[in-house]
Amino acid sequence: MLLLYLAPLTAIILGSFSSVALLFTLFILSGLGMAGVGMGIMHDALHGSYSRHPALNKLMGYTMNLIGASDEVWKLQHNVLHHSFTNIDDHDDDINAPFFLRFCPHAESNFFHRFQHYHAWIFYGLSTLSWITVKDFIRLRRYYRAGLLRDRKEYRKYLVRIILWKVFYFSYALVLPLVMSPFSPWTVLLGFLIMHFVTGLCITVVFQAAHVVPDAAFPVPDEAGKIGNARMEHQLATTCNFSPQSKVLSWLIGGLNYQIEHHLFPHISHVHYKKISPIVKQTAAEFGISYHCYPTFFSAISGHFIMLRALSRPSIV
């Protein structure tokens, strides 16, 4: 995946070809590699499950910065908030959508949601562009105000590191292609945007197909802020697997078709999910707990579309 991401970019920077079609093809391949790095390398590494060696996990976790986003902000957003408060409105940052999207039945509805099952896919493609430009800074500020950072000194350290990594990313991923390739700046910029559109669409669809679907629950805390289920029951209720028989898909997306196993055991490498899955499914059945799984990736995407359409109606609460 690292090779699929970096090799096309290197070819764009060093190549002397003049085909615009080849340029866009290389950017698309790099976008697929970027998605693969995010799902298959960075995701495990920042969970501490890429390797038994913490130093190697930390090293491979830097691949998040290599593709333009902040590993430190992601750990707060994903490891802390998403895994602790899965599908809980105003707590799980994965479903805290911007005003033009609605991912939770308990979120407020507005006019822009009416056709979200059609336009959401465009915004999915734009998600990593937002990530590498403004989202990390917005989230870091919000997490600081929420008390997820120790003090202002730590906030400033995070901020400096984010800026330095982003300067590095834009230098090699955009500036060098602009300077070194024989194509016009607008052509290279369009290729860069296409690369990120491919990445954003791939990553967002995979994660949303596991949580924003009709089978997934969206629990509401009681007045004391408590959820009735135990942690593992909560994860089984709010998470869905898909396409468990596809070895190719599982490799391409870093085992994230086994989202249930990942949410139950985030410290275990994704290469073991397939063997763990039957045990989890059997144990859930023994205790009368639902184990949600779509047979194919496309059926999961269809389920997500159906859920988006249901959430487009204000009556869904």
Protein backbone atom coordinates (compact mmCIF):
# COMPACT_ATOMS: atom_id res chain seq x y z
CA MET A 1 0.00 0.00 0.00
CA LEU A 2 2.87 2.36 0.72
CA LEU A 3 4.30 1.52 -2.69
CA LEU A 4 0.91 2.01 -4.38
CA TYR A 5 0.70 5.44 -2.76
CA LEU A 6 4.28 6.67 -3.18
CA ALA A 7 5.33 5.12 -6.51
CA PRO A 8 2.75 6.98 -8.68
CA LEU A 9 3.61 10.27 -6.97
CA THR A 10 7.30 9.63 -7.59
CA ALA A 11 6.55 8.87 -11.24
CA ILE A 12 4.62 12.14 -11.54
CA ILE A 13 7.50 14.12 -10.00
CA LEU A 14 10.30 12.42 -11.95
CA GLY A 15 8.53 11.33 -15.13
CA SER A 16 8.84 13.05 -18.48
CA PHE A 17 5.58 11.76 -19.98
CA SER A 18 3.06 14.11 -21.59
CA SER A 19 -0.17 12.09 -21.36
CA VAL A 20 -2.83 13.75 -19.22
CA ALA A 21 -4.69 10.44 -19.03
CA LEU A 22 -1.59 8.78 -17.58
CA LEU A 23 -1.19 11.64 -15.11
CA PHE A 24 -4.74 11.22 -13.83
CA THR A 25 -4.34 7.42 -13.73
CA LEU A 26 -1.27 7.80 -11.53
CA PHE A 27 -3.10 10.17 -9.20
CA ILE A 28 -6.03 7.71 -8.96
CA LEU A 29 -3.66 4.84 -8.14
CA SER A 30 -2.00 7.00 -5.51
CA GLY A 31 -5.44 7.80 -4.06
CA LEU A 32 -6.21 4.09 -3.76
CA GLY A 33 -2.84 3.57 -2.09
CA MET A 34 -3.51 6.45 0.29
CA ALA A 35 -6.79 4.84 1.32
CA GLY A 36 -4.98 1.54 1.79
CA VAL A 37 -2.33 3.16 3.97
CA GLY A 38 -5.05 4.73 6.10
CA MET A 39 -7.06 1.55 6.57
CA GLY A 40 -4.39 -1.14 6.46
CA ILE A 41 -1.36 0.44 8.13
CA MET A 42 -2.13 3.60 10.06
CA HIS A 43 -5.35 2.30 11.59
CA ASP A 44 -3.72 -0.71 13.23
CA ALA A 45 -0.58 1.21 14.15
CA LEU A 46 -2.43 3.96 16.03
CA HIS A 47 -4.46 1.32 17.86
CA GLY A 48 -1.18 -0.29 18.91
CA SER A 49 -2.04 -3.49 17.04
CA TYR A 50 0.22 -3.29 13.98
CA SER A 51 3.08 -4.84 15.93
CA ARG A 52 3.88 -6.14 19.40
CA HIS A 53 6.64 -3.52 19.49
CA PRO A 54 5.44 -0.02 20.56
CA ALA A 55 8.27 1.70 18.66
CA LEU A 56 7.19 0.09 15.39
CA ASN A 57 3.57 1.02 16.03
CA LYS A 58 4.63 4.61 16.59
CA LEU A 59 6.75 4.62 13.44
CA MET A 60 4.00 3.18 11.24
CA GLY A 61 1.48 5.51 12.87
CA TYR A 62 3.37 8.40 11.26
CA THR A 63 1.96 7.21 7.93
CA MET A 64 -1.14 9.19 8.95
CA ASN A 65 0.96 12.35 8.80
CA LEU A 66 2.52 11.10 5.58
CA ILE A 67 -0.88 11.26 3.90
CA GLY A 68 -1.63 14.74 5.20
CA ALA A 69 -3.58 14.27 8.45
CA SER A 70 -2.60 14.35 12.12
CA ASP A 71 -2.03 11.08 13.94
CA GLU A 72 -2.47 12.79 17.31
CA VAL A 73 -5.83 14.35 16.48
CA TRP A 74 -7.00 11.09 14.89
CA LYS A 75 -6.24 9.14 18.07
CA LEU A 76 -8.43 11.53 20.06
CA GLN A 77 -11.23 11.46 17.49
CA HIS A 78 -11.17 7.73 16.78
CA ASN A 79 -9.60 5.83 19.69
CA VAL A 80 -11.09 7.98 22.43
CA LEU A 81 -14.40 9.35 21.12
CA HIS A 82 -15.54 6.91 18.43
CA HIS A 83 -14.60 3.73 20.27
CA SER A 84 -15.82 4.97 23.65
CA PHE A 85 -19.12 6.47 22.47
CA THR A 86 -19.96 4.57 19.29
CA ASN A 87 -23.12 5.94 17.61
CA ILE A 88 -23.99 8.19 20.56
CA ASP A 89 -25.14 11.57 19.31
CA ASP A 90 -22.91 14.54 20.17
CA HIS A 91 -20.20 12.24 21.54
CA ASP A 92 -19.09 10.02 18.67
CA ASP A 93 -17.27 12.38 16.31
CA ASP A 94 -17.78 9.98 13.39
CA ILE A 95 -21.51 10.78 13.35
CA ASN A 96 -21.19 14.44 14.35
CA ALA A 97 -21.79 15.50 10.77
CA PRO A 98 -21.68 19.03 9.32
CA PHE A 99 -25.05 20.79 8.96
CA PHE A 100 -25.70 19.45 5.46
CA LEU A 101 -25.55 15.78 6.55
CA ARG A 102 -27.42 13.79 9.20
CA PHE A 103 -26.00 10.49 10.42
CA CYS A 104 -27.96 9.99 13.62
CA PRO A 105 -31.75 9.80 14.19
CA HIS A 106 -31.34 11.92 17.33
CA ALA A 107 -29.59 14.76 15.52
CA GLU A 108 -31.55 17.83 14.45
CA SER A 109 -32.99 17.74 10.95
CA ASN A 110 -32.94 20.59 8.43
CA PHE A 111 -33.73 21.33 4.80
CA PHE A 112 -30.30 20.28 3.52
CA HIS A 113 -30.85 16.68 4.61
CA ARG A 114 -33.77 16.19 2.24
CA PHE A 115 -31.64 14.75 -0.56
CA GLN A 116 -28.59 13.69 1.45
CA HIS A 117 -28.80 10.09 0.20
CA TYR A 118 -27.81 11.53 -3.19
CA HIS A 119 -25.36 14.31 -2.37
CA ALA A 120 -23.62 12.67 0.62
CA TRP A 121 -21.36 10.68 -1.69
CA ILE A 122 -19.90 13.86 -3.15
CA PHE A 123 -19.03 15.14 0.30
CA TYR A 124 -17.50 11.77 1.17
CA GLY A 125 -15.08 12.30 -1.70
CA LEU A 126 -14.22 15.75 -0.36
CA SER A 127 -13.68 14.57 3.22
CA THR A 128 -9.90 14.09 3.11
CA LEU A 129 -9.44 17.47 1.43
CA SER A 130 -11.17 18.98 4.44
CA TRP A 131 -9.02 16.79 6.68
CA ILE A 132 -5.66 17.93 5.30
CA THR A 133 -6.63 21.62 5.30
CA VAL A 134 -8.92 22.68 8.16
CA LYS A 135 -10.50 19.71 9.96
CA ASP A 136 -7.47 18.81 12.09
CA PHE A 137 -7.20 22.39 13.37
CA ILE A 138 -10.94 22.64 14.08
CA ARG A 139 -10.99 19.33 15.93
CA LEU A 140 -7.84 20.07 17.90
CA ARG A 141 -9.36 23.34 19.12
CA ARG A 142 -12.62 21.60 20.04
CA TYR A 143 -10.83 18.77 21.87
CA TYR A 144 -8.75 21.29 23.81
CA ARG A 145 -11.90 23.11 24.92
CA ALA A 146 -13.50 19.76 25.85
CA GLY A 147 -10.58 18.96 28.15
CA LEU A 148 -9.05 16.14 26.11
CA LEU A 149 -5.68 17.89 26.22
CA ARG A 150 -3.87 18.51 29.49
CA ASP A 151 -3.18 22.22 29.11
CA ARG A 152 -2.48 25.04 26.67
CA LYS A 153 1.19 24.04 26.42
CA GLU A 154 0.23 20.60 25.12
CA TYR A 155 -2.26 22.21 22.72
CA ARG A 156 0.49 24.41 21.28
CA LYS A 157 2.84 21.42 20.87
CA TYR A 158 0.13 19.56 18.96
CA LEU A 159 -0.51 22.63 16.82
CA VAL A 160 3.15 23.09 15.89
CA ARG A 161 3.55 19.43 14.97
CA ILE A 162 0.41 19.49 12.84
CA ILE A 163 1.63 22.54 10.92
CA LEU A 164 5.09 21.07 10.31
CA TRP A 165 3.70 17.75 9.08
CA LYS A 166 1.26 19.51 6.75
CA VAL A 167 4.03 21.66 5.30
CA PHE A 168 5.98 18.46 4.63
CA TYR A 169 2.96 16.75 3.07
CA PHE A 170 1.99 19.58 0.73
CA SER A 171 5.64 20.06 -0.24
CA TYR A 172 6.07 16.57 -1.69
CA ALA A 173 2.47 15.72 -2.67
CA LEU A 174 1.52 18.98 -4.41
CA VAL A 175 4.36 21.50 -4.69
CA LEU A 176 6.91 19.09 -6.20
CA PRO A 177 4.45 17.79 -8.85
CA LEU A 178 3.56 21.40 -9.68
CA VAL A 179 7.21 22.35 -10.08
CA MET A 180 8.67 19.20 -11.63
CA SER A 181 5.97 17.82 -13.95
CA PRO A 182 5.53 19.28 -17.46
CA PHE A 183 1.78 19.79 -17.02
CA SER A 184 -0.02 23.05 -16.32
CA PRO A 185 -0.61 23.92 -12.66
CA TRP A 186 -4.37 23.54 -13.11
CA THR A 187 -3.98 20.04 -14.54
CA VAL A 188 -1.77 18.93 -11.66
CA LEU A 189 -4.12 20.53 -9.13
CA LEU A 190 -7.08 18.72 -10.69
CA GLY A 191 -5.15 15.44 -10.46
CA PHE A 192 -4.38 16.12 -6.80
CA LEU A 193 -8.07 16.78 -6.13
CA ILE A 194 -9.05 13.57 -7.94
CA MET A 195 -6.53 11.63 -5.83
CA HIS A 196 -8.12 12.88 -2.64
CA PHE A 197 -11.64 12.34 -3.93
CA VAL A 198 -10.81 8.67 -4.49
CA THR A 199 -9.30 8.37 -1.01
CA GLY A 200 -12.13 10.18 0.75
CA LEU A 201 -14.84 8.16 -0.97
CA CYS A 202 -13.13 4.83 -0.23
CA ILE A 203 -12.41 5.52 3.44
CA THR A 204 -15.72 7.17 4.32
CA VAL A 205 -17.91 4.54 2.66
CA VAL A 206 -16.09 1.72 4.49
CA PHE A 207 -16.54 3.31 7.91
CA GLN A 208 -20.10 4.54 7.35
CA ALA A 209 -21.24 1.15 6.04
CA ALA A 210 -20.34 -0.31 9.42
CA HIS A 211 -22.25 2.11 11.65
CA VAL A 212 -24.79 4.24 9.76
CA VAL A 213 -27.04 1.43 8.55
CA PRO A 214 -30.56 0.28 9.49
CA ASP A 215 -29.34 -2.59 11.69
CA ALA A 216 -27.10 -0.39 13.86
CA ALA A 217 -28.46 1.09 17.08
CA PHE A 218 -28.09 4.70 18.18
CA PRO A 219 -28.39 4.53 21.99
CA VAL A 220 -29.46 7.50 24.07
CA PRO A 221 -27.85 8.05 27.50
CA ASP A 222 -30.14 8.41 30.52
CA GLU A 223 -30.32 11.56 32.65
CA ALA A 224 -27.15 10.50 34.45
CA GLY A 225 -25.32 10.11 31.14
CA LYS A 226 -25.24 6.32 31.36
CA ILE A 227 -25.82 3.72 28.65
CA GLY A 228 -27.74 0.62 29.74
CA ASN A 229 -25.60 -1.96 27.94
CA ALA A 230 -22.15 -3.15 28.91
CA ARG A 231 -19.31 -2.10 26.59
CA MET A 232 -19.25 -5.25 24.47
CA GLU A 233 -23.04 -5.36 24.15
CA HIS A 234 -22.95 -1.73 23.07
CA GLN A 235 -20.36 -2.41 20.38
CA LEU A 236 -22.36 -5.37 19.03
CA ALA A 237 -25.51 -3.26 18.92
CA THR A 238 -23.93 -0.30 17.12
CA THR A 239 -21.62 -2.04 14.65
CA CYS A 240 -22.07 -4.18 11.54
CA ASN A 241 -19.75 -6.44 9.56
CA PHE A 242 -19.93 -6.93 5.82
CA SER A 243 -18.56 -9.26 3.16
CA PRO A 244 -16.92 -11.70 5.61
CA GLN A 245 -16.03 -14.19 2.87
CA SER A 246 -14.04 -11.81 0.68
CA LYS A 247 -10.32 -12.23 1.34
CA VAL A 248 -9.46 -9.66 -1.33
CA LEU A 249 -11.69 -6.94 0.12
CA SER A 250 -10.49 -7.71 3.62
CA TRP A 251 -6.87 -7.23 2.52
CA LEU A 252 -7.65 -4.05 0.59
CA ILE A 253 -9.42 -2.34 3.51
CA GLY A 254 -7.29 -3.61 6.38
CA GLY A 255 -9.84 -6.07 7.79
CA LEU A 256 -12.41 -3.33 8.40
CA ASN A 257 -15.16 -5.53 6.99
CA TYR A 258 -14.87 -7.14 10.45
CA GLN A 259 -15.80 -3.97 12.33
CA ILE A 260 -17.47 -5.88 15.17
CA GLU A 261 -14.28 -7.75 15.99
CA HIS A 262 -12.29 -4.56 15.68
CA HIS A 263 -14.55 -2.70 18.10
CA LEU A 264 -14.48 -5.54 20.59
CA PHE A 265 -10.72 -6.09 20.35
CA PRO A 266 -9.03 -2.96 18.91
CA HIS A 267 -5.69 -4.07 20.36
CA ILE A 268 -5.62 -7.17 18.12
CA SER A 269 -4.20 -6.99 14.59
CA HIS A 270 -6.78 -7.11 11.80
CA VAL A 271 -5.10 -10.19 10.28
CA HIS A 272 -6.73 -12.27 13.06
CA TYR A 273 -10.31 -10.97 12.70
CA LYS A 274 -11.43 -13.70 10.31
CA LYS A 275 -10.52 -16.43 12.83
CA ILE A 276 -11.99 -14.51 15.77
CA SER A 277 -15.28 -13.76 13.98
CA PRO A 278 -16.93 -17.23 14.30
CA ILE A 279 -16.13 -17.30 18.03
CA VAL A 280 -17.69 -13.87 18.56
CA LYS A 281 -20.75 -14.80 16.50
CA GLN A 282 -21.27 -18.04 18.42
CA THR A 283 -20.83 -16.36 21.80
CA ALA A 284 -23.28 -13.60 20.85
CA ALA A 285 -25.84 -16.25 19.91
CA GLU A 286 -25.34 -18.04 23.22
CA PHE A 287 -26.22 -14.86 25.11
CA GLY A 288 -29.06 -13.85 22.78
CA ILE A 289 -27.24 -10.81 21.40
CA SER A 290 -27.60 -9.79 17.76
CA TYR A 291 -24.58 -10.09 15.47
CA HIS A 292 -25.15 -7.84 12.46
CA CYS A 293 -23.49 -8.77 9.18
CA TYR A 294 -24.21 -7.88 5.56
CA PRO A 295 -23.28 -10.67 3.13
CA THR A 296 -21.56 -8.35 0.63
CA PHE A 297 -19.96 -4.93 0.53
CA PHE A 298 -22.60 -3.73 -1.92
CA SER A 299 -25.42 -4.82 0.39
CA ALA A 300 -23.78 -2.79 3.17
CA ILE A 301 -23.53 0.24 0.87
CA SER A 302 -27.19 -0.26 -0.04
CA GLY A 303 -28.02 -0.37 3.67
CA HIS A 304 -26.15 2.88 4.19
CA PHE A 305 -28.07 4.50 1.32
CA ILE A 306 -31.36 3.34 2.85
CA MET A 307 -30.33 4.76 6.22
CA LEU A 308 -29.31 8.09 4.71
CA ARG A 309 -32.69 8.29 2.99
CA ALA A 310 -34.52 7.45 6.23
CA LEU A 311 -32.52 10.11 8.09
CA SER A 312 -33.42 12.67 5.42
CA ARG A 313 -36.95 12.73 6.86
CA PRO A 314 -37.54 14.84 10.00
CA SER A 315 -39.95 12.20 11.34
CA ILE A 316 -37.08 9.77 11.94
CA VAL A 317 -36.24 10.36 15.64
